[in-house]
């Protein structure tokens, strides 16, 4: 049955309205916390529960729309109904839940992660909606378009799944995931520096008598090649060896924190009880995470200095890394109730060992 012109007009207007609503919701999430409405001091409903429920519904409804636009008979009225339900139900609910995960109560990292994932759902759903055939032809007529429609649906599913998983992860899971990512980056840099330190230049290369590439194919690689560690520069070799030992000690902080400090943060329990703790302030968590993120960035700079055979700059950068690491340990030496525990004892031994291995 061919859809009526009035049904197609209604579909076109509904698609346009839905696109406008999606853009408005995306804009609301893009506002800085100071521009947005103030966060409630007590969360009535768990935002992560609401994010999971709304995203699951969006996922299911996008599947229905996909089936409707690739199969006959084409039914604009049913697509309109689903779009209206999304616009008045799941979509604003998802955005409202994301806004409840504000930085003042959930921390900057969680706030940013939730916002980015929800914005991706809005953007991918918007792209998907634009593919709805408002002229009234089911897309299954063209096999290639059929496949394309299913692919765009899969992208919406993926975006929704990234939001749904937040409930299973929770704050401790998400923070541990990020800290592990930073730790992996840190370990990669250590491995690169260790491999470079083992590739010592020969005596001939030290003297500068190495053959110069003359062919055009060899020139580019020789220009951008990393300098090798001189065999005769034993001082720099010793510095690299000591640096590697220090870096390995600093890297040990990351798994120690995900085991002893992150799971016991008071904010996790408070969110389950619909209350926001007053102490310690969430800003302490933000500061801790920013330092943990900064350390691998400084390690990359340190490795670059060694590649340039700039021992003094590498030493200065190592000093910054050690300072950051010590500030992290100082902030979490005691548990969140200001009492000593196993991490307290471990941190004391860690600091002593780090001092002994100073460059």
Protein backbone atom coordinates (compact mmCIF):
# COMPACT_ATOMS: atom_id res chain seq x y z
CA UNK A 1 0.00 0.00 0.00
CA UNK A 2 1.35 3.38 -1.02
CA UNK A 3 1.40 5.86 1.90
CA UNK A 4 -0.77 8.93 1.56
CA UNK A 5 0.69 12.36 0.94
CA UNK A 6 -0.54 13.56 4.34
CA UNK A 7 1.30 10.67 6.05
CA UNK A 8 4.51 11.53 4.19
CA UNK A 9 4.15 15.20 5.11
CA UNK A 10 3.68 14.23 8.75
CA UNK A 11 6.77 12.01 8.55
CA UNK A 12 8.89 14.79 7.07
CA UNK A 13 7.79 17.24 9.75
CA UNK A 14 8.38 14.68 12.51
CA UNK A 15 11.87 13.92 11.21
CA UNK A 16 12.68 17.63 11.09
CA UNK A 17 11.28 18.13 14.59
CA UNK A 18 13.25 15.17 15.94
CA UNK A 19 16.45 16.53 14.40
CA UNK A 20 15.80 19.92 16.01
CA UNK A 21 15.22 18.28 19.39
CA UNK A 22 18.41 16.24 19.10
CA UNK A 23 20.41 19.36 18.29
CA UNK A 24 18.88 21.18 21.25
CA UNK A 25 19.67 18.31 23.62
CA UNK A 26 23.22 18.13 22.32
CA UNK A 27 23.56 21.86 22.89
CA UNK A 28 22.29 21.53 26.45
CA UNK A 29 25.00 18.98 27.20
CA UNK A 30 27.65 21.18 25.62
CA UNK A 31 27.07 23.93 28.17
CA UNK A 32 29.72 24.36 30.82
CA UNK A 33 28.64 23.41 34.37
CA UNK A 34 28.38 27.11 35.29
CA UNK A 35 25.99 27.72 32.40
CA UNK A 36 23.85 24.69 33.13
CA UNK A 37 21.28 24.44 35.86
CA UNK A 38 22.77 23.84 39.28
CA UNK A 39 23.20 20.25 40.35
CA UNK A 40 20.79 18.84 42.95
CA UNK A 41 22.37 18.18 46.30
CA UNK A 42 20.48 14.90 46.59
CA UNK A 43 20.12 12.57 43.62
CA UNK A 44 16.62 11.09 43.72
CA UNK A 45 17.25 8.43 41.06
CA UNK A 46 20.56 6.85 40.21
CA UNK A 47 21.76 8.59 37.00
CA UNK A 48 23.51 5.43 35.88
CA UNK A 49 20.26 3.46 36.18
CA UNK A 50 18.44 6.08 34.13
CA UNK A 51 21.23 6.17 31.54
CA UNK A 52 21.04 2.41 31.14
CA UNK A 53 17.24 2.36 30.82
CA UNK A 54 16.98 5.25 28.38
CA UNK A 55 19.87 4.06 26.21
CA UNK A 56 18.43 0.55 26.07
CA UNK A 57 15.11 1.99 24.92
CA UNK A 58 16.79 4.15 22.26
CA UNK A 59 18.64 1.08 21.03
CA UNK A 60 15.43 -0.93 20.77
CA UNK A 61 13.46 1.86 19.09
CA UNK A 62 16.18 2.50 16.52
CA UNK A 63 16.01 -1.19 15.65
CA UNK A 64 12.26 -0.91 15.04
CA UNK A 65 12.74 2.13 12.81
CA UNK A 66 15.45 0.33 10.86
CA UNK A 67 13.12 -2.58 10.15
CA UNK A 68 10.33 -0.23 9.14
CA UNK A 69 12.43 1.64 6.60
CA UNK A 70 13.84 -1.45 4.87
CA UNK A 71 10.65 -3.50 4.58
CA UNK A 72 7.34 -3.19 2.80
CA UNK A 73 4.73 -1.99 3.44
CA UNK A 74 6.29 1.34 4.34
CA UNK A 75 4.36 2.80 7.31
CA UNK A 76 5.18 6.48 8.01
CA UNK A 77 2.65 6.68 10.84
CA UNK A 78 4.47 4.02 12.86
CA UNK A 79 7.84 5.70 12.35
CA UNK A 80 6.30 9.01 13.47
CA UNK A 81 4.95 7.38 16.61
CA UNK A 82 8.35 5.95 17.56
CA UNK A 83 10.13 9.25 16.88
CA UNK A 84 7.64 11.15 19.06
CA UNK A 85 8.09 8.65 21.88
CA UNK A 86 11.85 9.04 21.68
CA UNK A 87 11.63 12.84 21.60
CA UNK A 88 9.38 13.03 24.65
CA UNK A 89 10.70 10.08 26.62
CA UNK A 90 14.03 8.32 26.32
CA UNK A 91 16.07 11.15 24.79
CA UNK A 92 15.31 13.89 27.35
CA UNK A 93 15.57 11.28 30.12
CA UNK A 94 19.05 10.28 28.97
CA UNK A 95 20.21 13.89 28.81
CA UNK A 96 18.71 14.66 32.23
CA UNK A 97 20.59 11.68 33.68
CA UNK A 98 23.83 12.87 32.09
CA UNK A 99 23.33 16.33 33.59
CA UNK A 100 22.96 14.76 37.02
CA UNK A 101 26.49 13.37 36.65
CA UNK A 102 27.91 16.85 37.11
CA UNK A 103 31.55 17.54 38.02
CA UNK A 104 30.70 18.85 41.47
CA UNK A 105 29.28 15.51 42.58
CA UNK A 106 30.76 12.93 40.21
CA UNK A 107 34.14 14.44 39.36
CA UNK A 108 35.45 15.93 36.12
CA UNK A 109 36.47 12.63 34.55
CA UNK A 110 33.13 10.88 35.07
CA UNK A 111 31.24 14.01 33.98
CA UNK A 112 33.28 14.28 30.78
CA UNK A 113 33.00 10.58 29.96
CA UNK A 114 29.22 10.49 30.45
CA UNK A 115 28.76 13.68 28.45
CA UNK A 116 30.85 12.47 25.51
CA UNK A 117 29.11 9.09 25.36
CA UNK A 118 25.62 10.58 25.53
CA UNK A 119 26.50 13.19 22.91
CA UNK A 120 27.66 10.43 20.62
CA UNK A 121 24.27 8.71 20.96
CA UNK A 122 22.54 11.96 20.05
CA UNK A 123 24.80 12.58 17.06
CA UNK A 124 24.62 9.04 15.67
CA UNK A 125 20.87 8.89 16.16
CA UNK A 126 20.61 12.19 14.30
CA UNK A 127 22.60 10.74 11.39
CA UNK A 128 20.38 7.67 11.43
CA UNK A 129 17.17 9.70 11.39
CA UNK A 130 18.38 11.65 8.37
CA UNK A 131 18.36 8.36 6.43
CA UNK A 132 14.62 7.85 6.92
CA UNK A 133 13.05 7.91 3.40
CA UNK A 134 10.57 10.75 3.81
CA UNK A 135 9.47 10.33 0.18
CA UNK A 136 7.89 7.03 1.03
CA UNK A 137 10.01 4.30 -0.55
CA UNK A 138 11.18 1.46 1.66
CA UNK A 139 14.96 1.16 1.37
CA UNK A 140 14.86 -2.62 0.93
CA UNK A 141 14.23 -1.99 -2.77
CA UNK A 142 17.95 -1.32 -3.13
CA UNK A 143 20.14 -4.06 -1.70
CA UNK A 144 23.06 -1.68 -1.16
CA UNK A 145 20.86 0.80 0.71
CA UNK A 146 19.48 -2.09 2.77
CA UNK A 147 23.00 -2.92 3.91
CA UNK A 148 23.79 0.77 4.55
CA UNK A 149 20.71 1.14 6.72
CA UNK A 150 21.68 -1.84 8.84
CA UNK A 151 25.20 -0.43 9.19
CA UNK A 152 23.93 2.92 10.46
CA UNK A 153 21.72 1.07 12.94
CA UNK A 154 24.77 -0.79 14.20
CA UNK A 155 26.55 2.50 14.82
CA UNK A 156 23.62 3.67 16.96
CA UNK A 157 23.72 0.37 18.85
CA UNK A 158 27.43 0.80 19.53
CA UNK A 159 26.90 4.32 20.86
CA UNK A 160 24.04 3.17 23.10
CA UNK A 161 26.08 0.23 24.40
CA UNK A 162 28.87 2.61 25.44
CA UNK A 163 26.35 4.40 27.68
CA UNK A 164 24.67 1.23 28.95
CA UNK A 165 27.99 -0.20 30.12
CA UNK A 166 28.53 2.76 32.44
CA UNK A 167 26.17 1.22 35.00
CA UNK A 168 28.16 -2.01 35.10
CA UNK A 169 31.43 -0.08 35.34
CA UNK A 170 30.24 2.49 37.84
CA UNK A 171 32.62 5.17 39.03
CA UNK A 172 35.26 2.73 40.36
CA UNK A 173 35.24 0.71 37.16
CA UNK A 174 35.51 3.76 34.92
CA UNK A 175 38.27 5.37 36.98
CA UNK A 176 40.20 2.10 37.19
CA UNK A 177 39.83 1.73 33.42
CA UNK A 178 41.28 5.19 32.83
CA UNK A 179 44.11 4.69 35.31
CA UNK A 180 44.97 1.39 33.63
CA UNK A 181 45.05 3.16 30.25
CA UNK A 182 47.50 5.74 31.62
CA UNK A 183 49.55 2.93 33.13
CA UNK A 184 49.69 1.14 29.76
CA UNK A 185 50.88 4.35 28.09
CA UNK A 186 53.51 4.70 30.81
CA UNK A 187 54.71 1.12 30.33
CA UNK A 188 54.92 1.57 26.57
CA UNK A 189 57.19 4.57 27.04
CA UNK A 190 59.40 2.61 29.44
CA UNK A 191 59.67 -0.24 26.94
CA UNK A 192 60.63 2.16 24.15
CA UNK A 193 63.32 3.80 26.26
CA UNK A 194 64.68 0.43 27.37
CA UNK A 195 64.85 -0.83 23.78
CA UNK A 196 66.55 2.39 22.66
CA UNK A 197 69.11 2.15 25.48
CA UNK A 198 70.09 -1.35 24.32
CA UNK A 199 70.72 -0.15 20.76
CA UNK A 200 74.13 1.38 21.50
CA UNK A 201 75.96 3.03 18.61
CA UNK A 202 79.25 1.55 17.42
CA UNK A 203 82.62 3.29 17.81
CA UNK A 204 82.52 4.25 14.15
CA UNK A 205 79.12 5.92 14.59
CA UNK A 206 80.39 7.72 17.68
CA UNK A 207 83.20 9.26 15.65
CA UNK A 208 80.81 10.50 12.99
CA UNK A 209 82.41 8.42 10.19
CA UNK A 210 79.28 6.49 9.33
CA UNK A 211 78.34 6.24 5.69
CA UNK A 212 76.03 8.98 4.44
CA UNK A 213 73.06 7.77 2.44
CA UNK A 214 73.27 9.06 -1.09
CA UNK A 215 70.17 7.63 -2.70
CA UNK A 216 66.93 9.60 -2.59
CA UNK A 217 65.13 6.61 -1.10
CA UNK A 218 67.49 6.47 1.90
CA UNK A 219 67.72 10.20 2.59
CA UNK A 220 64.33 10.73 4.29
CA UNK A 221 64.87 7.92 6.81
CA UNK A 222 68.35 9.17 7.68
CA UNK A 223 67.08 12.69 8.24
CA UNK A 224 64.38 11.68 10.71
CA UNK A 225 66.19 8.76 12.35
CA UNK A 226 66.44 8.75 16.15
CA UNK A 227 69.94 9.35 17.48
CA UNK A 228 71.51 6.24 18.95
CA UNK A 229 72.98 6.12 22.43
CA UNK A 230 76.74 6.72 22.02
CA UNK A 231 78.88 3.78 23.11
CA UNK A 232 81.54 6.08 24.55
CA UNK A 233 79.08 8.19 26.59
CA UNK A 234 79.00 6.02 29.70
CA UNK A 235 77.61 8.87 31.77
CA UNK A 236 74.47 9.10 29.65
CA UNK A 237 74.17 5.31 29.62
CA UNK A 238 74.22 5.26 33.42
CA UNK A 239 71.63 8.05 33.56
CA UNK A 240 69.28 6.09 31.31
CA UNK A 241 69.71 2.95 33.43
CA UNK A 242 68.89 4.86 36.63
CA UNK A 243 65.98 6.60 34.94
CA UNK A 244 64.48 3.25 33.91
CA UNK A 245 64.67 2.02 37.50
CA UNK A 246 62.94 5.16 38.76
CA UNK A 247 60.25 5.00 36.09
CA UNK A 248 59.47 1.38 36.94
CA UNK A 249 58.96 2.42 40.57
CA UNK A 250 56.68 5.30 39.61
CA UNK A 251 54.67 2.99 37.34
CA UNK A 252 53.98 0.74 40.34
CA UNK A 253 51.73 3.47 41.74
CA UNK A 254 48.99 2.86 39.19
CA UNK A 255 48.07 -0.76 40.01
CA UNK A 256 48.53 0.00 43.70
CA UNK A 257 45.96 2.78 43.52
CA UNK A 258 43.41 0.74 41.57
CA UNK A 259 43.73 -1.98 44.19
CA UNK A 260 43.93 -0.03 47.45
CA UNK A 261 42.41 3.41 46.93
CA UNK A 262 39.99 3.67 44.00
CA UNK A 263 37.57 0.91 45.11
CA UNK A 264 37.22 2.44 48.58
CA UNK A 265 36.49 6.02 47.53
CA UNK A 266 33.51 7.28 49.60
CA UNK A 267 31.73 8.76 46.56
CA UNK A 268 30.92 5.29 45.23
CA UNK A 269 28.88 4.21 48.24
CA UNK A 270 27.24 7.62 48.59
CA UNK A 271 25.83 7.54 45.06
CA UNK A 272 24.15 4.23 45.80
CA UNK A 273 22.59 5.81 48.89
CA UNK A 274 21.47 8.91 46.91
CA UNK A 275 23.61 11.25 48.97
CA UNK A 276 26.63 13.35 48.18
CA UNK A 277 29.45 13.32 50.78
CA UNK A 278 30.79 16.58 52.08
CA UNK A 279 34.26 15.22 52.89
CA UNK A 280 36.67 14.68 51.36
CA UNK A 281 35.75 17.09 48.55
CA UNK A 282 35.46 15.67 45.03
CA UNK A 283 38.12 18.19 43.97
CA UNK A 284 40.71 15.98 45.69
CA UNK A 285 39.82 13.16 43.33
CA UNK A 286 40.04 15.50 40.33
CA UNK A 287 43.50 16.65 41.40
CA UNK A 288 44.68 13.08 41.95
CA UNK A 289 43.49 11.98 38.52
CA UNK A 290 44.97 14.99 36.75
CA UNK A 291 48.38 14.17 38.23
CA UNK A 292 48.14 10.51 37.26
CA UNK A 293 47.26 11.57 33.71
CA UNK A 294 50.11 14.10 33.59
CA UNK A 295 52.86 11.66 34.59
CA UNK A 296 52.85 9.62 31.33
CA UNK A 297 52.82 12.86 29.37
CA UNK A 298 56.01 13.95 31.14
CA UNK A 299 57.50 10.51 30.54
CA UNK A 300 56.99 10.99 26.79
CA UNK A 301 58.86 14.30 27.04
CA UNK A 302 61.66 12.64 29.01
CA UNK A 303 62.08 9.91 26.40
CA UNK A 304 62.23 12.54 23.65
CA UNK A 305 65.03 14.35 25.47
CA UNK A 306 67.03 11.13 25.70
CA UNK A 307 66.48 10.50 21.99
CA UNK A 308 68.05 13.93 21.43
CA UNK A 309 70.92 12.93 23.76
CA UNK A 310 69.94 15.82 26.03
CA UNK A 311 70.77 14.36 29.42
CA UNK A 312 70.26 17.58 31.40
CA UNK A 313 66.73 18.16 30.09
CA UNK A 314 65.92 14.50 30.71
CA UNK A 315 67.11 14.85 34.30
CA UNK A 316 64.96 17.94 34.79
CA UNK A 317 61.94 16.12 33.38
CA UNK A 318 62.57 13.14 35.65
CA UNK A 319 62.51 15.57 38.57
CA UNK A 320 59.03 16.73 37.55
CA UNK A 321 57.83 13.12 37.28
CA UNK A 322 59.15 12.25 40.74
CA UNK A 323 57.58 15.39 42.20
CA UNK A 324 54.20 14.50 40.70
CA UNK A 325 54.45 10.90 41.89
CA UNK A 326 55.31 11.99 45.42
CA UNK A 327 52.40 14.41 45.47
CA UNK A 328 50.08 11.54 44.50
CA UNK A 329 51.41 9.35 47.28
CA UNK A 330 51.19 12.20 49.78
CA UNK A 331 47.53 12.79 48.91
CA UNK A 332 46.51 9.15 49.43
CA UNK A 333 49.01 7.95 52.02
CA UNK A 334 46.20 7.58 54.55
CA UNK A 335 42.91 5.92 53.63
CA UNK A 336 39.79 8.03 52.99
CA UNK A 337 39.02 7.98 56.71
CA UNK A 338 42.47 9.39 57.50
CA UNK A 339 43.67 6.08 58.96
CA UNK A 340 46.78 4.04 58.21
CA UNK A 341 46.48 0.80 56.26
CA UNK A 342 48.56 -1.51 54.05
CA UNK A 343 48.98 1.17 51.41
CA UNK A 344 50.39 3.53 54.04
CA UNK A 345 53.13 1.03 54.90
CA UNK A 346 53.79 0.28 51.25
CA UNK A 347 54.03 3.97 50.30
CA UNK A 348 56.71 4.58 52.94
CA UNK A 349 58.88 1.80 51.51
CA UNK A 350 58.15 3.03 47.99
CA UNK A 351 59.36 6.56 48.76
CA UNK A 352 62.53 5.28 50.38
CA UNK A 353 63.35 3.07 47.39
CA UNK A 354 62.61 5.91 44.96
CA UNK A 355 65.01 8.18 46.83
CA UNK A 356 67.75 5.56 46.74
CA UNK A 357 67.43 5.25 42.98
CA UNK A 358 67.49 8.98 42.27
CA UNK A 359 69.30 10.04 39.10
